[in-house]
C-alpha cells in the first residue's frame, strides 16, 4: 500500500510523505503534489479540521489520517 500511495501522490520516499502529512497537521500545507495547486481546508466553518484538505486546483482531497494509515499498512502497524 505504501508504494501505491507514494506513486499516486508523486512522492519519492516515505519521509517525503510524512513531511507532507506533518505540514497538513501544522496547518502550513505544502503545494498539492499532483498539480502544485494551493491546499485549503475541506471544511471551513464549524467542522474545520487540520486532517481534511482539498486542492483548489485539481480538487484532490487529502485525508491525512487515511493517508497515514495507508502508509503504515505496508509495515504491519
N, C-alpha and C. Protein backbone atom coordinates (compact mmCIF):
# COMPACT_ATOMS: atom_id res chain seq x y z
N UNK A 1 0.82 -1.21 0.00
CA UNK A 1 0.00 0.00 0.00
C UNK A 1 0.86 1.26 0.00
N UNK A 2 1.97 1.21 0.73
CA UNK A 2 2.83 2.40 0.79
C UNK A 2 3.28 2.81 -0.61
N UNK A 3 3.70 1.83 -1.39
CA UNK A 3 4.17 2.12 -2.75
C UNK A 3 3.07 2.76 -3.59
N UNK A 4 1.85 2.27 -3.44
CA UNK A 4 0.71 2.82 -4.18
C UNK A 4 0.47 4.28 -3.82
N UNK A 5 0.54 4.59 -2.53
CA UNK A 5 0.33 5.96 -2.06
C UNK A 5 1.42 6.87 -2.60
N UNK A 6 2.67 6.42 -2.51
CA UNK A 6 3.79 7.23 -2.99
C UNK A 6 3.67 7.49 -4.49
N UNK A 7 3.29 6.47 -5.25
CA UNK A 7 3.13 6.64 -6.70
C UNK A 7 1.98 7.58 -7.02
N UNK A 8 0.85 7.40 -6.34
CA UNK A 8 -0.33 8.22 -6.62
C UNK A 8 -0.04 9.70 -6.40
N UNK A 9 0.68 10.01 -5.34
CA UNK A 9 0.95 11.41 -5.00
C UNK A 9 2.32 11.89 -5.43
N UNK A 10 2.96 11.13 -6.32
CA UNK A 10 4.24 11.51 -6.94
C UNK A 10 5.30 11.86 -5.90
N UNK A 11 5.42 11.01 -4.89
CA UNK A 11 6.42 11.20 -3.84
C UNK A 11 7.47 10.11 -3.97
N UNK A 12 8.71 10.45 -3.61
CA UNK A 12 9.82 9.51 -3.80
C UNK A 12 10.09 8.62 -2.59
N UNK A 13 9.67 9.05 -1.42
CA UNK A 13 10.01 8.27 -0.22
C UNK A 13 8.95 8.44 0.86
N UNK A 14 9.01 7.53 1.81
CA UNK A 14 8.12 7.61 2.97
C UNK A 14 8.37 8.90 3.75
N UNK A 15 9.63 9.29 3.86
CA UNK A 15 9.98 10.52 4.59
C UNK A 15 9.33 11.74 3.94
N UNK A 16 9.29 11.77 2.63
CA UNK A 16 8.64 12.88 1.92
C UNK A 16 7.14 12.90 2.21
N UNK A 17 6.52 11.72 2.24
CA UNK A 17 5.09 11.63 2.54
C UNK A 17 4.80 12.06 3.97
N UNK A 18 5.64 11.66 4.91
CA UNK A 18 5.45 12.04 6.31
C UNK A 18 5.62 13.55 6.48
N UNK A 19 6.60 14.14 5.79
CA UNK A 19 6.78 15.59 5.86
C UNK A 19 5.54 16.31 5.32
N UNK A 20 4.95 15.77 4.25
CA UNK A 20 3.73 16.35 3.69
C UNK A 20 2.59 16.29 4.71
N UNK A 21 2.42 15.13 5.36
CA UNK A 21 1.37 14.97 6.37
C UNK A 21 1.59 15.92 7.54
N UNK A 22 2.83 16.06 7.99
CA UNK A 22 3.12 16.97 9.10
C UNK A 22 2.77 18.41 8.73
N UNK A 23 3.03 18.79 7.47
CA UNK A 23 2.69 20.15 7.05
C UNK A 23 1.18 20.38 7.11
N UNK A 24 0.41 19.34 6.80
CA UNK A 24 -1.05 19.47 6.89
C UNK A 24 -1.48 19.66 8.34
N UNK A 25 -0.94 18.82 9.22
CA UNK A 25 -1.33 18.90 10.64
C UNK A 25 -0.88 20.20 11.28
N UNK A 26 0.22 20.79 10.80
CA UNK A 26 0.70 22.06 11.33
C UNK A 26 -0.02 23.25 10.69
N UNK A 27 -0.95 22.95 9.80
CA UNK A 27 -1.74 23.97 9.08
C UNK A 27 -0.86 24.89 8.25
N UNK A 28 0.24 24.34 7.73
CA UNK A 28 1.12 25.04 6.80
C UNK A 28 1.34 24.13 5.59
N UNK A 29 0.27 23.84 4.85
CA UNK A 29 0.34 22.82 3.80
C UNK A 29 1.31 23.17 2.67
N UNK A 30 2.00 22.15 2.21
CA UNK A 30 2.83 22.27 1.02
C UNK A 30 1.88 22.31 -0.18
N UNK A 31 2.38 22.70 -1.35
CA UNK A 31 1.51 22.67 -2.54
C UNK A 31 1.05 21.25 -2.85
N UNK A 32 -0.03 21.15 -3.57
CA UNK A 32 -0.57 19.85 -3.98
C UNK A 32 0.51 19.08 -4.74
N UNK A 33 0.80 17.84 -4.34
CA UNK A 33 1.83 17.08 -5.04
C UNK A 33 1.44 16.69 -6.47
N UNK A 34 0.16 16.77 -6.80
CA UNK A 34 -0.28 16.39 -8.14
C UNK A 34 -0.23 17.55 -9.14
N UNK A 35 -0.66 18.75 -8.70
CA UNK A 35 -0.75 19.86 -9.65
C UNK A 35 -0.06 21.14 -9.17
N UNK A 36 0.54 21.11 -7.98
CA UNK A 36 1.18 22.28 -7.37
C UNK A 36 0.18 23.37 -6.98
N UNK A 37 -1.09 23.02 -6.91
CA UNK A 37 -2.12 23.96 -6.51
C UNK A 37 -2.11 24.20 -5.00
N UNK A 38 -2.90 25.16 -4.57
CA UNK A 38 -3.00 25.51 -3.16
C UNK A 38 -3.97 24.57 -2.45
N UNK A 39 -3.57 24.10 -1.27
CA UNK A 39 -4.46 23.26 -0.47
C UNK A 39 -5.21 24.14 0.51
N UNK A 40 -6.49 23.84 0.69
CA UNK A 40 -7.35 24.59 1.60
C UNK A 40 -8.14 23.60 2.44
N UNK A 41 -8.61 24.05 3.60
CA UNK A 41 -9.42 23.19 4.46
C UNK A 41 -10.63 22.68 3.69
N UNK A 42 -10.95 21.41 3.87
CA UNK A 42 -12.14 20.85 3.25
C UNK A 42 -13.39 21.47 3.87
N UNK A 43 -13.39 21.56 5.20
CA UNK A 43 -14.49 22.18 5.95
C UNK A 43 -13.97 23.50 6.50
N UNK A 44 -14.66 24.60 6.21
CA UNK A 44 -14.14 25.91 6.60
C UNK A 44 -14.82 26.54 7.79
N UNK A 45 -15.92 25.99 8.24
CA UNK A 45 -16.64 26.65 9.33
C UNK A 45 -16.54 25.83 10.60
N UNK A 46 -17.63 25.43 11.17
CA UNK A 46 -17.65 24.74 12.46
C UNK A 46 -16.87 23.43 12.44
N UNK A 47 -16.82 22.77 11.29
CA UNK A 47 -16.16 21.47 11.21
C UNK A 47 -14.69 21.58 10.78
N UNK A 48 -14.11 22.77 10.84
CA UNK A 48 -12.72 22.97 10.41
C UNK A 48 -11.82 21.93 11.07
N UNK A 49 -11.03 21.24 10.26
CA UNK A 49 -10.23 20.13 10.75
C UNK A 49 -8.90 20.12 10.00
N UNK A 50 -7.78 20.04 10.72
CA UNK A 50 -6.48 20.08 10.06
C UNK A 50 -6.08 18.74 9.46
N UNK A 51 -7.01 17.78 9.42
CA UNK A 51 -6.73 16.49 8.78
C UNK A 51 -7.39 16.36 7.41
N UNK A 52 -8.33 17.23 7.10
CA UNK A 52 -9.05 17.16 5.82
C UNK A 52 -8.74 18.39 4.98
N UNK A 53 -8.13 18.16 3.82
CA UNK A 53 -7.73 19.24 2.93
C UNK A 53 -8.20 18.93 1.51
N UNK A 54 -8.34 19.99 0.71
CA UNK A 54 -8.73 19.83 -0.69
C UNK A 54 -7.91 20.79 -1.54
N UNK A 55 -7.44 20.32 -2.67
CA UNK A 55 -6.68 21.16 -3.59
C UNK A 55 -7.65 22.07 -4.34
N UNK A 56 -7.33 23.37 -4.37
CA UNK A 56 -8.19 24.31 -5.08
C UNK A 56 -7.98 24.23 -6.59
N UNK A 57 -6.89 23.59 -7.01
CA UNK A 57 -6.60 23.46 -8.44
C UNK A 57 -7.24 22.23 -9.07
N UNK A 58 -6.88 21.06 -8.58
CA UNK A 58 -7.36 19.82 -9.21
C UNK A 58 -8.51 19.16 -8.46
N UNK A 59 -8.80 19.62 -7.24
CA UNK A 59 -9.93 19.08 -6.49
C UNK A 59 -9.62 17.82 -5.70
N UNK A 60 -8.37 17.36 -5.72
CA UNK A 60 -8.00 16.15 -4.97
C UNK A 60 -8.18 16.40 -3.47
N UNK A 61 -8.77 15.41 -2.79
CA UNK A 61 -8.98 15.50 -1.35
C UNK A 61 -7.86 14.76 -0.63
N UNK A 62 -7.35 15.36 0.43
CA UNK A 62 -6.29 14.76 1.24
C UNK A 62 -6.81 14.55 2.65
N UNK A 63 -7.05 13.31 3.01
CA UNK A 63 -7.45 12.94 4.36
C UNK A 63 -6.19 12.41 5.04
N UNK A 64 -5.57 13.24 5.87
CA UNK A 64 -4.26 12.92 6.43
C UNK A 64 -4.26 11.63 7.24
N UNK A 65 -5.30 11.38 8.01
CA UNK A 65 -5.36 10.16 8.82
C UNK A 65 -5.41 8.93 7.92
N UNK A 66 -6.23 8.99 6.87
CA UNK A 66 -6.34 7.86 5.95
C UNK A 66 -5.01 7.62 5.23
N UNK A 67 -4.34 8.70 4.81
CA UNK A 67 -3.04 8.55 4.14
C UNK A 67 -2.01 7.92 5.07
N UNK A 68 -2.00 8.35 6.32
CA UNK A 68 -1.06 7.77 7.29
C UNK A 68 -1.33 6.28 7.48
N UNK A 69 -2.60 5.92 7.60
CA UNK A 69 -2.95 4.50 7.76
C UNK A 69 -2.52 3.68 6.55
N UNK A 70 -2.68 4.23 5.35
CA UNK A 70 -2.25 3.51 4.14
C UNK A 70 -0.74 3.34 4.11
N UNK A 71 -0.01 4.37 4.53
CA UNK A 71 1.45 4.26 4.59
C UNK A 71 1.88 3.19 5.58
N UNK A 72 1.18 3.11 6.70
CA UNK A 72 1.56 2.16 7.75
C UNK A 72 1.15 0.73 7.45
N UNK A 73 0.21 0.51 6.55
CA UNK A 73 -0.22 -0.85 6.23
C UNK A 73 0.93 -1.71 5.72
N UNK A 74 1.85 -1.11 5.00
CA UNK A 74 2.99 -1.85 4.47
C UNK A 74 3.95 -2.32 5.54
N UNK A 75 3.87 -1.74 6.72
CA UNK A 75 4.77 -2.10 7.81
C UNK A 75 4.09 -2.96 8.86
N UNK A 76 2.86 -3.36 8.62
CA UNK A 76 2.15 -4.21 9.57
C UNK A 76 1.83 -3.54 10.88
N UNK A 77 1.66 -2.23 10.84
CA UNK A 77 1.37 -1.48 12.06
C UNK A 77 -0.10 -1.28 12.23
